[in-house]
């Protein structure tokens, strides 16, 4: 007796695996959206804390004397352009052009790495000038808010490098394409947060 079951439309044994797989994908998508919502709440709390502590300088330097608007503007440009280049990678994936996808992902990675470099340089310069996170409540809130965003970007670069390796070795399997979509949402969310940081923290220091 043959133990194999032939896949027949309507047969419970042939449809169940597809149904279960679809449920798994839906659960993962829901989990990712919940993660983004949780991140949004965290950043909302950090922005609120910064707004409360911005005047608590304890006699130390203020944002107007510390922050370089040119540096922040360059960071903004790098992050926004990186989203554009990732968009080109997503478009190239639809046509199955692996070389183009890897090229655009590499450019995205370099732009994101440039953003992190500028942020780390800014932090180190402030700390060397005696304006570290332990100097005042204002600086503690600043380093926490901006540093949390920078940590997300850094983790995103690790995710991006992993996807580059997966695209290079596995191609455009459905799970790889879904991860690219999730990364798109993640990266754009970081753009939105950074625009808030640039406006409230850096431009706000000039008002």
N, C-alpha and C. Protein backbone atom coordinates (compact mmCIF):
# COMPACT_ATOMS: atom_id res chain seq x y z
N UNK A 1 0.85 -1.19 0.00
CA UNK A 1 0.00 0.00 0.00
C UNK A 1 0.89 1.25 0.00
N UNK A 2 0.57 2.18 -0.88
CA UNK A 2 1.38 3.39 -0.98
C UNK A 2 0.99 4.37 0.12
N UNK A 3 1.99 4.78 0.92
CA UNK A 3 1.71 5.67 2.05
C UNK A 3 1.66 7.12 1.63
N UNK A 4 2.12 7.43 0.41
CA UNK A 4 2.14 8.82 -0.05
C UNK A 4 0.74 9.28 -0.41
N UNK A 5 0.45 10.52 -0.10
CA UNK A 5 -0.85 11.09 -0.44
C UNK A 5 -0.66 12.06 -1.59
N UNK A 6 -1.35 11.86 -2.66
CA UNK A 6 -1.23 12.75 -3.81
C UNK A 6 -1.93 14.06 -3.52
N UNK A 7 -1.24 15.16 -3.90
CA UNK A 7 -1.82 16.49 -3.67
C UNK A 7 -2.98 16.70 -4.61
N UNK A 8 -4.17 16.71 -4.07
CA UNK A 8 -5.38 16.88 -4.85
C UNK A 8 -6.12 18.10 -4.33
N UNK A 9 -6.55 19.01 -5.22
CA UNK A 9 -7.29 20.17 -4.76
C UNK A 9 -8.51 19.75 -3.96
N UNK A 10 -8.70 20.35 -2.80
CA UNK A 10 -9.82 20.00 -1.96
C UNK A 10 -9.49 18.92 -0.96
N UNK A 11 -8.36 18.20 -1.16
CA UNK A 11 -7.99 17.14 -0.24
C UNK A 11 -7.45 17.78 1.04
N UNK A 12 -7.93 17.39 2.22
CA UNK A 12 -7.53 18.04 3.47
C UNK A 12 -6.03 17.97 3.72
N UNK A 13 -5.37 16.84 3.32
CA UNK A 13 -3.94 16.69 3.59
C UNK A 13 -3.10 17.57 2.67
N UNK A 14 -3.61 17.92 1.48
CA UNK A 14 -2.85 18.76 0.55
C UNK A 14 -3.03 20.24 0.84
N UNK A 15 -4.19 20.63 1.42
CA UNK A 15 -4.45 22.04 1.67
C UNK A 15 -3.98 22.48 3.05
N UNK A 16 -3.92 21.57 4.00
CA UNK A 16 -3.57 21.94 5.37
C UNK A 16 -2.19 22.57 5.48
N UNK A 17 -1.14 21.99 4.84
CA UNK A 17 0.18 22.62 4.96
C UNK A 17 0.20 24.04 4.44
N UNK A 18 -0.48 24.30 3.31
CA UNK A 18 -0.52 25.65 2.75
C UNK A 18 -1.24 26.59 3.70
N UNK A 19 -2.32 26.11 4.31
CA UNK A 19 -3.08 26.94 5.24
C UNK A 19 -2.24 27.27 6.47
N UNK A 20 -1.54 26.25 6.99
CA UNK A 20 -0.70 26.49 8.16
C UNK A 20 0.44 27.45 7.84
N UNK A 21 1.03 27.32 6.65
CA UNK A 21 2.11 28.21 6.25
C UNK A 21 1.62 29.64 6.15
N UNK A 22 0.42 29.82 5.60
CA UNK A 22 -0.15 31.15 5.50
C UNK A 22 -0.40 31.76 6.86
N UNK A 23 -0.85 30.95 7.81
CA UNK A 23 -1.08 31.44 9.16
C UNK A 23 0.23 31.87 9.83
N UNK A 24 1.30 31.11 9.58
CA UNK A 24 2.60 31.46 10.13
C UNK A 24 3.06 32.81 9.60
N UNK A 25 2.90 33.01 8.29
CA UNK A 25 3.31 34.28 7.68
C UNK A 25 2.49 35.44 8.23
N UNK A 26 1.20 35.22 8.42
CA UNK A 26 0.34 36.27 8.97
C UNK A 26 0.75 36.61 10.40
N UNK A 27 1.08 35.57 11.18
CA UNK A 27 1.50 35.81 12.56
C UNK A 27 2.81 36.59 12.61
N UNK A 28 3.74 36.25 11.71
CA UNK A 28 5.01 36.97 11.68
C UNK A 28 4.80 38.42 11.27
N UNK A 29 3.92 38.65 10.29
CA UNK A 29 3.64 40.02 9.85
C UNK A 29 3.01 40.82 10.99
N UNK A 30 2.07 40.18 11.71
CA UNK A 30 1.45 40.86 12.85
C UNK A 30 2.48 41.16 13.93
N UNK A 31 3.35 40.19 14.18
CA UNK A 31 4.40 40.40 15.18
C UNK A 31 5.31 41.56 14.82
N UNK A 32 5.62 41.69 13.53
CA UNK A 32 6.50 42.79 13.11
C UNK A 32 5.81 44.14 13.28
N UNK A 33 4.51 44.20 12.93
CA UNK A 33 3.77 45.44 13.11
C UNK A 33 3.68 45.80 14.59
N UNK A 34 3.50 44.80 15.45
CA UNK A 34 3.47 45.07 16.89
C UNK A 34 4.82 45.60 17.37
N UNK A 35 5.89 45.05 16.80
CA UNK A 35 7.23 45.55 17.14
C UNK A 35 7.36 47.02 16.75
N UNK A 36 6.94 47.38 15.54
CA UNK A 36 7.02 48.77 15.11
C UNK A 36 6.19 49.69 16.01
N UNK A 37 5.01 49.21 16.41
CA UNK A 37 4.17 50.00 17.30
C UNK A 37 4.85 50.19 18.66
N UNK A 38 5.50 49.12 19.15
CA UNK A 38 6.22 49.22 20.41
C UNK A 38 7.37 50.22 20.31
N UNK A 39 8.07 50.17 19.20
CA UNK A 39 9.16 51.14 18.97
C UNK A 39 8.63 52.57 18.93
N UNK A 40 7.49 52.75 18.31
CA UNK A 40 6.89 54.09 18.22
C UNK A 40 6.57 54.61 19.62
N UNK A 41 6.08 53.74 20.49
CA UNK A 41 5.77 54.15 21.86
C UNK A 41 7.04 54.53 22.60
N UNK A 42 8.10 53.71 22.43
CA UNK A 42 9.38 54.00 23.09
C UNK A 42 9.91 55.37 22.67
N UNK A 43 9.90 55.63 21.37
CA UNK A 43 10.44 56.91 20.91
C UNK A 43 9.54 58.08 21.34
N UNK A 44 8.23 57.84 21.40
CA UNK A 44 7.34 58.90 21.88
C UNK A 44 7.67 59.26 23.32
N UNK A 45 7.96 58.26 24.15
CA UNK A 45 8.34 58.51 25.54
C UNK A 45 9.68 59.24 25.62
N UNK A 46 10.62 58.85 24.75
CA UNK A 46 11.93 59.51 24.75
C UNK A 46 11.82 60.97 24.32
N UNK A 47 10.98 61.24 23.31
CA UNK A 47 10.76 62.62 22.90
C UNK A 47 10.12 63.43 24.03
N UNK A 48 9.16 62.82 24.71
CA UNK A 48 8.49 63.51 25.82
C UNK A 48 9.49 63.81 26.93
N UNK A 49 10.35 62.83 27.24
CA UNK A 49 11.36 63.04 28.28
C UNK A 49 12.32 64.16 27.89
N UNK A 50 12.72 64.17 26.62
CA UNK A 50 13.62 65.23 26.15
C UNK A 50 12.95 66.59 26.29
N UNK A 51 11.69 66.66 25.92
CA UNK A 51 10.97 67.93 26.02
C UNK A 51 10.90 68.43 27.45
N UNK A 52 10.81 67.50 28.40
CA UNK A 52 10.76 67.90 29.81
C UNK A 52 12.14 68.33 30.32
N UNK A 53 13.18 67.63 29.87
CA UNK A 53 14.52 67.85 30.41
C UNK A 53 15.36 68.86 29.63
N UNK A 54 14.87 69.35 28.50
CA UNK A 54 15.70 70.19 27.64
C UNK A 54 16.20 71.45 28.35
N UNK A 55 15.43 71.95 29.31
CA UNK A 55 15.86 73.15 30.03
C UNK A 55 16.69 72.86 31.26
N UNK A 56 16.86 71.59 31.58
CA UNK A 56 17.60 71.20 32.80
C UNK A 56 19.07 71.02 32.46
N UNK A 57 19.77 72.13 32.26
CA UNK A 57 21.17 72.06 31.86
C UNK A 57 22.13 72.06 33.05
N UNK A 58 21.63 72.30 34.25
CA UNK A 58 22.46 72.31 35.47
C UNK A 58 23.66 73.26 35.33
N UNK A 59 23.44 74.38 34.67
CA UNK A 59 24.51 75.34 34.49
C UNK A 59 25.51 74.96 33.42
N UNK A 60 25.26 73.88 32.72
CA UNK A 60 26.18 73.43 31.67
C UNK A 60 25.79 73.97 30.31
N UNK A 61 26.43 73.44 29.27
CA UNK A 61 26.15 73.93 27.92
C UNK A 61 24.76 73.56 27.44
N UNK A 62 24.24 74.37 26.55
CA UNK A 62 22.93 74.12 25.95
C UNK A 62 23.11 73.54 24.54
N UNK A 63 22.00 73.12 23.96
CA UNK A 63 22.06 72.58 22.61
C UNK A 63 22.55 73.60 21.60
N UNK A 64 22.23 74.85 21.83
CA UNK A 64 22.63 75.90 20.87
C UNK A 64 24.13 76.00 20.77
N UNK A 65 24.83 75.79 21.88
CA UNK A 65 26.30 75.89 21.86
C UNK A 65 26.97 74.57 21.49
N UNK A 66 26.24 73.46 21.63
CA UNK A 66 26.84 72.15 21.41
C UNK A 66 26.60 71.59 20.01
N UNK A 67 25.39 71.77 19.51
CA UNK A 67 25.00 71.06 18.30
C UNK A 67 25.49 71.74 17.03
N UNK A 68 25.95 70.93 16.09
CA UNK A 68 26.33 71.41 14.77
C UNK A 68 25.18 71.13 13.81
N UNK A 69 24.55 72.20 13.36
CA UNK A 69 23.42 72.02 12.45
C UNK A 69 23.87 71.44 11.11
N UNK A 70 25.07 71.79 10.68
CA UNK A 70 25.59 71.25 9.43
C UNK A 70 25.79 69.73 9.53
N UNK A 71 26.32 69.28 10.66
CA UNK A 71 26.52 67.85 10.86
C UNK A 71 25.18 67.12 10.88
N UNK A 72 24.21 67.68 11.58
CA UNK A 72 22.88 67.06 11.65
C UNK A 72 22.21 67.04 10.27
N UNK A 73 22.40 68.12 9.50
CA UNK A 73 21.82 68.16 8.16
C UNK A 73 22.44 67.10 7.26
N UNK A 74 23.76 66.89 7.40
CA UNK A 74 24.42 65.86 6.61
C UNK A 74 23.94 64.47 7.01
N UNK A 75 23.75 64.25 8.31
CA UNK A 75 23.19 62.98 8.76
C UNK A 75 21.80 62.76 8.16
N UNK A 76 21.01 63.81 8.15
CA UNK A 76 19.65 63.72 7.60
C UNK A 76 19.70 63.34 6.12
N UNK A 77 20.59 63.98 5.39
CA UNK A 77 20.72 63.69 3.95
C UNK A 77 21.13 62.24 3.72
N UNK A 78 22.10 61.76 4.50
CA UNK A 78 22.56 60.39 4.32
C UNK A 78 21.43 59.39 4.59
N UNK A 79 20.67 59.62 5.65
CA UNK A 79 19.61 58.67 6.00
C UNK A 79 18.48 58.69 4.98
N UNK A 80 18.09 59.88 4.54
CA UNK A 80 16.99 59.97 3.57
C UNK A 80 17.40 59.40 2.21
N UNK A 81 18.63 59.67 1.79
CA UNK A 81 19.10 59.11 0.52
C UNK A 81 19.20 57.59 0.62
N UNK A 82 19.58 57.07 1.79
CA UNK A 82 19.67 55.62 1.95
C UNK A 82 18.31 54.95 1.78
N UNK A 83 17.25 55.63 2.18
CA UNK A 83 15.91 55.09 1.96
C UNK A 83 15.57 55.06 0.47
N UNK A 84 16.04 56.08 -0.24
CA UNK A 84 15.81 56.11 -1.69
C UNK A 84 16.55 54.97 -2.38
N UNK A 85 17.81 54.76 -1.99
CA UNK A 85 18.57 53.68 -2.63
C UNK A 85 18.00 52.31 -2.28
N UNK A 86 17.48 52.17 -1.07
CA UNK A 86 16.82 50.90 -0.73
C UNK A 86 15.56 50.72 -1.55
N UNK A 87 14.87 51.82 -1.85
CA UNK A 87 13.70 51.72 -2.72
C UNK A 87 14.08 51.20 -4.10
N UNK A 88 15.23 51.63 -4.62
CA UNK A 88 15.70 51.11 -5.91
C UNK A 88 16.02 49.62 -5.80
N UNK A 89 16.55 49.21 -4.65
CA UNK A 89 16.82 47.78 -4.44
C UNK A 89 15.52 46.98 -4.46
N UNK A 90 14.49 47.52 -3.84
CA UNK A 90 13.19 46.83 -3.83
C UNK A 90 12.61 46.72 -5.23
N UNK A 91 12.73 47.80 -6.01
CA UNK A 91 12.24 47.76 -7.39
C UNK A 91 13.02 46.74 -8.21
N UNK A 92 14.33 46.67 -8.02
CA UNK A 92 15.15 45.71 -8.76
C UNK A 92 14.83 44.27 -8.39
N UNK A 93 14.41 44.06 -7.13
CA UNK A 93 14.07 42.69 -6.71
C UNK A 93 12.83 42.18 -7.43
N UNK A 94 11.93 43.10 -7.81
CA UNK A 94 10.71 42.68 -8.51
C UNK A 94 11.02 42.15 -9.90
N UNK A 95 12.10 42.64 -10.49
CA UNK A 95 12.49 42.16 -11.81
C UNK A 95 13.49 41.02 -11.72
N UNK A 96 13.86 40.63 -10.50
CA UNK A 96 14.77 39.51 -10.32
C UNK A 96 16.22 39.83 -10.67
N UNK A 97 16.59 41.10 -10.65
CA UNK A 97 17.95 41.51 -10.99
C UNK A 97 18.82 41.46 -9.73
N UNK A 98 19.45 40.32 -9.50
CA UNK A 98 20.20 40.13 -8.27
C UNK A 98 21.38 41.10 -8.16
N UNK A 99 22.09 41.31 -9.24
CA UNK A 99 23.24 42.21 -9.21
C UNK A 99 22.85 43.63 -8.84
N UNK A 100 21.75 44.12 -9.41
CA UNK A 100 21.29 45.46 -9.11
C UNK A 100 20.85 45.57 -7.66
N UNK A 101 20.16 44.54 -7.17
CA UNK A 101 19.70 44.55 -5.78
C UNK A 101 20.90 44.63 -4.84
N UNK A 102 21.90 43.78 -5.07
CA UNK A 102 23.07 43.78 -4.20
C UNK A 102 23.83 45.11 -4.28
N UNK A 103 23.88 45.70 -5.47
CA UNK A 103 24.55 46.99 -5.61
C UNK A 103 23.85 48.09 -4.83
N UNK A 104 22.52 48.16 -4.95
CA UNK A 104 21.76 49.18 -4.24
C UNK A 104 21.80 48.94 -2.73
N UNK A 105 21.76 47.67 -2.31
CA UNK A 105 21.85 47.37 -0.88
C UNK A 105 23.22 47.79 -0.32
N UNK A 106 24.27 47.58 -1.11
CA UNK A 106 25.60 47.98 -0.66
C UNK A 106 25.69 49.50 -0.50
N UNK A 107 25.11 50.23 -1.44
CA UNK A 107 25.10 51.70 -1.33
C UNK A 107 24.31 52.13 -0.10
N UNK A 108 23.17 51.48 0.12
CA UNK A 108 22.35 51.78 1.30
C UNK A 108 23.14 51.54 2.57
N UNK A 109 23.88 50.44 2.60
CA UNK A 109 24.70 50.12 3.77
C UNK A 109 25.75 51.20 4.02
N UNK A 110 26.43 51.63 2.97
CA UNK A 110 27.47 52.64 3.11
C UNK A 110 26.89 53.97 3.60
N UNK A 111 25.73 54.34 3.10
CA UNK A 111 25.09 55.58 3.54
C UNK A 111 24.70 55.49 5.01
N UNK A 112 24.13 54.34 5.40
CA UNK A 112 23.77 54.15 6.80
C UNK A 112 24.99 54.14 7.70
N UNK A 113 26.07 53.52 7.23
CA UNK A 113 27.31 53.51 8.01
C UNK A 113 27.88 54.92 8.16
N UNK A 114 27.75 55.73 7.11
CA UNK A 114 28.18 57.12 7.19
C UNK A 114 27.39 57.89 8.24
N UNK A 115 26.09 57.61 8.30
CA UNK A 115 25.25 58.25 9.32
C UNK A 115 25.73 57.89 10.72
N UNK A 116 25.98 56.61 10.96
CA UNK A 116 26.43 56.16 12.28
C UNK A 116 27.78 56.77 12.62
N UNK A 117 28.67 56.85 11.63
CA UNK A 117 29.99 57.44 11.86
C UNK A 117 29.87 58.89 12.33
N UNK A 118 29.03 59.67 11.66
CA UNK A 118 28.86 61.07 12.03
C UNK A 118 28.28 61.21 13.43
N UNK A 119 27.35 60.32 13.75
CA UNK A 119 26.73 60.39 15.08
C UNK A 119 27.72 60.02 16.18
N UNK A 120 28.50 58.97 15.95
CA UNK A 120 29.51 58.57 16.94
C UNK A 120 30.55 59.68 17.10
N UNK A 121 30.95 60.29 16.00
CA UNK A 121 31.92 61.38 16.08
C UNK A 121 31.37 62.55 16.89
N UNK A 122 30.09 62.85 16.68
CA UNK A 122 29.46 63.93 17.45
C UNK A 122 29.46 63.59 18.94
N UNK A 123 29.07 62.38 19.28
CA UNK A 123 29.02 61.97 20.67
C UNK A 123 30.40 62.05 21.33
N UNK A 124 31.41 61.53 20.65
CA UNK A 124 32.76 61.53 21.22
C UNK A 124 33.28 62.95 21.40
N UNK A 125 32.98 63.82 20.44
CA UNK A 125 33.40 65.21 20.56
C UNK A 125 32.76 65.90 21.76
N UNK A 126 31.47 65.62 21.98
CA UNK A 126 30.78 66.22 23.12
C UNK A 126 31.34 65.69 24.43
N UNK A 127 31.60 64.39 24.49
CA UNK A 127 32.13 63.80 25.73
C UNK A 127 33.52 64.35 26.04
N UNK A 128 34.35 64.49 25.00
CA UNK A 128 35.70 65.04 25.21
C UNK A 128 35.63 66.49 25.70
N UNK A 129 34.56 67.20 25.30
CA UNK A 129 34.40 68.60 25.72
C UNK A 129 33.75 68.71 27.09
N UNK A 130 33.53 67.58 27.76
CA UNK A 130 32.92 67.59 29.09
C UNK A 130 31.41 67.67 29.07
N UNK A 131 30.80 67.39 27.91
CA UNK A 131 29.34 67.44 27.79
C UNK A 131 28.79 66.04 27.56
N UNK A 132 29.15 65.12 28.46
CA UNK A 132 28.67 63.75 28.36
C UNK A 132 27.28 63.60 28.97
N UNK A 133 26.73 62.42 28.90
CA UNK A 133 25.36 62.21 29.40
C UNK A 133 25.20 62.40 30.90
N UNK A 134 26.32 62.38 31.65
CA UNK A 134 26.24 62.56 33.11
C UNK A 134 26.37 64.03 33.51
N UNK A 135 26.48 64.94 32.54
CA UNK A 135 26.68 66.36 32.85
C UNK A 135 25.40 67.03 33.32
N UNK A 136 24.27 66.67 32.73
CA UNK A 136 23.00 67.30 33.08
C UNK A 136 21.84 66.42 32.63
N UNK A 137 20.65 66.75 33.12
CA UNK A 137 19.46 66.02 32.69
C UNK A 137 19.20 66.21 31.20
N UNK A 138 19.46 67.42 30.72
CA UNK A 138 19.30 67.71 29.29
C UNK A 138 20.17 66.79 28.44
N UNK A 139 21.45 66.66 28.82
CA UNK A 139 22.36 65.83 28.03
C UNK A 139 22.05 64.34 28.18
N UNK A 140 21.58 63.94 29.35
CA UNK A 140 21.16 62.54 29.52
C UNK A 140 20.01 62.21 28.57
N UNK A 141 19.04 63.12 28.49
CA UNK A 141 17.89 62.90 27.60
C UNK A 141 18.33 62.92 26.14
N UNK A 142 19.26 63.82 25.81
CA UNK A 142 19.75 63.91 24.43
C UNK A 142 20.46 62.63 24.01
N UNK A 143 21.41 62.19 24.82
CA UNK A 143 22.16 60.99 24.47
C UNK A 143 21.25 59.76 24.40
N UNK A 144 20.25 59.70 25.27
CA UNK A 144 19.34 58.55 25.27
C UNK A 144 18.49 58.53 24.01
N UNK A 145 17.91 59.68 23.66
CA UNK A 145 17.04 59.75 22.48
C UNK A 145 17.82 59.50 21.20
N UNK A 146 18.87 60.30 20.99
CA UNK A 146 19.63 60.19 19.74
C UNK A 146 20.39 58.87 19.69
N UNK A 147 20.92 58.42 20.84
CA UNK A 147 21.65 57.17 20.87
C UNK A 147 20.77 55.96 20.61
N UNK A 148 19.53 56.00 21.09
CA UNK A 148 18.60 54.89 20.82
C UNK A 148 18.30 54.79 19.34
N UNK A 149 18.10 55.94 18.71
CA UNK A 149 17.89 55.93 17.26
C UNK A 149 19.13 55.39 16.55
N UNK A 150 20.32 55.85 16.97
CA UNK A 150 21.55 55.38 16.34
C UNK A 150 21.75 53.88 16.52
N UNK A 151 21.35 53.37 17.69
CA UNK A 151 21.45 51.93 17.93
C UNK A 151 20.54 51.17 16.97
N UNK A 152 19.35 51.69 16.73
CA UNK A 152 18.43 51.07 15.76
C UNK A 152 19.05 51.05 14.37
N UNK A 153 19.68 52.16 13.98
CA UNK A 153 20.31 52.21 12.66
C UNK A 153 21.44 51.17 12.58
N UNK A 154 22.22 51.07 13.64
CA UNK A 154 23.33 50.10 13.67
C UNK A 154 22.81 48.68 13.55
N UNK A 155 21.77 48.35 14.30
CA UNK A 155 21.17 47.02 14.19
C UNK A 155 20.59 46.80 12.79
N UNK A 156 20.04 47.87 12.21
CA UNK A 156 19.52 47.78 10.85
C UNK A 156 20.61 47.46 9.85
N UNK A 157 21.80 47.99 10.07
CA UNK A 157 22.92 47.70 9.17
C UNK A 157 23.30 46.22 9.26
N UNK A 158 23.25 45.66 10.47
CA UNK A 158 23.50 44.23 10.61
C UNK A 158 22.46 43.40 9.89
N UNK A 159 21.20 43.81 10.00
CA UNK A 159 20.11 43.15 9.29
C UNK A 159 20.33 43.27 7.78
N UNK A 160 20.72 44.46 7.34
CA UNK A 160 20.95 44.69 5.91
C UNK A 160 22.08 43.81 5.38
N UNK A 161 23.16 43.69 6.14
CA UNK A 161 24.28 42.85 5.71
C UNK A 161 23.85 41.39 5.62
N UNK A 162 23.02 40.96 6.56
CA UNK A 162 22.50 39.58 6.53
C UNK A 162 21.66 39.35 5.29
N UNK A 163 20.81 40.31 4.94
CA UNK A 163 19.97 40.15 3.75
C UNK A 163 20.79 40.15 2.48
N UNK A 164 21.87 40.93 2.45
CA UNK A 164 22.73 40.92 1.27
C UNK A 164 23.32 39.51 1.07
N UNK A 165 23.75 38.90 2.17
CA UNK A 165 24.29 37.55 2.07
C UNK A 165 23.21 36.56 1.63
N UNK A 166 21.99 36.74 2.12
CA UNK A 166 20.90 35.83 1.75
C UNK A 166 20.51 35.99 0.29
N UNK A 167 20.44 37.23 -0.18
CA UNK A 167 20.11 37.46 -1.59
C UNK A 167 21.20 36.86 -2.48
N UNK A 168 22.47 37.03 -2.08
CA UNK A 168 23.58 36.52 -2.88
C UNK A 168 23.59 35.00 -2.96
N UNK A 169 23.18 34.33 -1.87
CA UNK A 169 23.27 32.87 -1.83
C UNK A 169 21.95 32.17 -2.13
N UNK A 170 20.84 32.79 -1.72
CA UNK A 170 19.54 32.13 -1.86
C UNK A 170 18.66 32.73 -2.94
N UNK A 171 19.00 33.92 -3.41
CA UNK A 171 18.17 34.54 -4.44
C UNK A 171 16.92 35.16 -3.86
N UNK A 172 15.87 35.17 -4.65
CA UNK A 172 14.63 35.85 -4.27
C UNK A 172 13.56 34.85 -3.86
N UNK A 173 13.87 34.06 -2.86
CA UNK A 173 12.86 33.17 -2.30
C UNK A 173 11.79 34.00 -1.61
N UNK A 174 10.57 33.48 -1.48
CA UNK A 174 9.49 34.28 -0.87
C UNK A 174 9.84 34.84 0.50
N UNK A 175 10.53 34.04 1.33
CA UNK A 175 10.85 34.55 2.66
C UNK A 175 11.86 35.69 2.61
N UNK A 176 12.75 35.66 1.60
CA UNK A 176 13.72 36.75 1.46
C UNK A 176 13.02 38.03 1.03
N UNK A 177 12.08 37.91 0.11
CA UNK A 177 11.33 39.07 -0.35
C UNK A 177 10.52 39.68 0.80
N UNK A 178 9.94 38.82 1.65
CA UNK A 178 9.19 39.33 2.81
C UNK A 178 10.11 40.08 3.77
N UNK A 179 11.33 39.58 3.94
CA UNK A 179 12.27 40.27 4.83
C UNK A 179 12.67 41.62 4.27
N UNK A 180 12.80 41.69 2.95
CA UNK A 180 13.09 42.98 2.33
C UNK A 180 11.96 43.97 2.58
N UNK A 181 10.73 43.49 2.51
CA UNK A 181 9.58 44.35 2.76
C UNK A 181 9.57 44.83 4.21
N UNK A 182 9.84 43.91 5.14
CA UNK A 182 9.88 44.29 6.55
C UNK A 182 10.97 45.33 6.81
N UNK A 183 12.11 45.14 6.16
CA UNK A 183 13.20 46.09 6.34
C UNK A 183 12.82 47.46 5.80
N UNK A 184 12.08 47.48 4.70
CA UNK A 184 11.60 48.75 4.15
C UNK A 184 10.80 49.52 5.19
N UNK A 185 9.88 48.84 5.86
CA UNK A 185 9.06 49.48 6.89
C UNK A 185 9.92 49.96 8.05
N UNK A 186 10.86 49.11 8.46
CA UNK A 186 11.75 49.45 9.58
C UNK A 186 12.59 50.68 9.25
N UNK A 187 13.18 50.70 8.07
CA UNK A 187 14.09 51.79 7.69
C UNK A 187 13.33 53.10 7.53
N UNK A 188 12.13 53.04 6.93
CA UNK A 188 11.33 54.26 6.78
C UNK A 188 10.87 54.77 8.14
N UNK A 189 10.59 53.86 9.07
CA UNK A 189 10.21 54.29 10.41
C UNK A 189 11.35 55.05 11.07
N UNK A 190 12.58 54.60 10.85
CA UNK A 190 13.74 55.31 11.40
C UNK A 190 13.88 56.69 10.75
N UNK A 191 13.53 56.80 9.48
CA UNK A 191 13.53 58.11 8.81
C UNK A 191 12.58 59.07 9.52
N UNK A 192 11.38 58.58 9.80
CA UNK A 192 10.37 59.43 10.44
C UNK A 192 10.85 59.88 11.81
N UNK A 193 11.42 58.95 12.58
CA UNK A 193 11.93 59.30 13.90
C UNK A 193 13.04 60.34 13.79
N UNK A 194 13.94 60.14 12.82
CA UNK A 194 15.06 61.08 12.69
C UNK A 194 14.59 62.47 12.29
N UNK A 195 13.59 62.55 11.44
CA UNK A 195 13.05 63.86 11.09
C UNK A 195 12.54 64.56 12.34
N UNK A 196 11.92 63.79 13.24
CA UNK A 196 11.50 64.36 14.52
C UNK A 196 12.68 64.81 15.34
N UNK A 197 13.75 64.00 15.37
CA UNK A 197 14.97 64.37 16.11
C UNK A 197 15.58 65.65 15.53
N UNK A 198 15.70 65.70 14.22
CA UNK A 198 16.31 66.86 13.57
C UNK A 198 15.51 68.13 13.85
N UNK A 199 14.18 68.00 13.79
CA UNK A 199 13.33 69.17 13.98
C UNK A 199 13.29 69.61 15.43
N UNK A 200 13.04 68.67 16.33
CA UNK A 200 12.84 69.02 17.74
C UNK A 200 14.16 69.28 18.46
N UNK A 201 15.16 68.42 18.20
CA UNK A 201 16.41 68.54 18.95
C UNK A 201 17.34 69.59 18.32
N UNK A 202 17.66 69.40 17.04
CA UNK A 202 18.69 70.25 16.43
C UNK A 202 18.13 71.62 16.01
N UNK A 203 17.03 71.63 15.28
CA UNK A 203 16.45 72.92 14.91
C UNK A 203 15.87 73.61 16.13
N UNK A 204 15.28 72.81 17.02
CA UNK A 204 14.69 73.38 18.24
C UNK A 204 15.71 74.10 19.10
N UNK A 205 16.96 73.66 19.05
CA UNK A 205 18.00 74.31 19.84
C UNK A 205 18.30 75.71 19.34
N UNK A 206 17.90 76.03 18.09
CA UNK A 206 18.17 77.36 17.51
C UNK A 206 17.05 78.35 17.80
N UNK A 207 15.93 77.85 18.29
CA UNK A 207 14.77 78.73 18.50
C UNK A 207 14.92 79.52 19.80
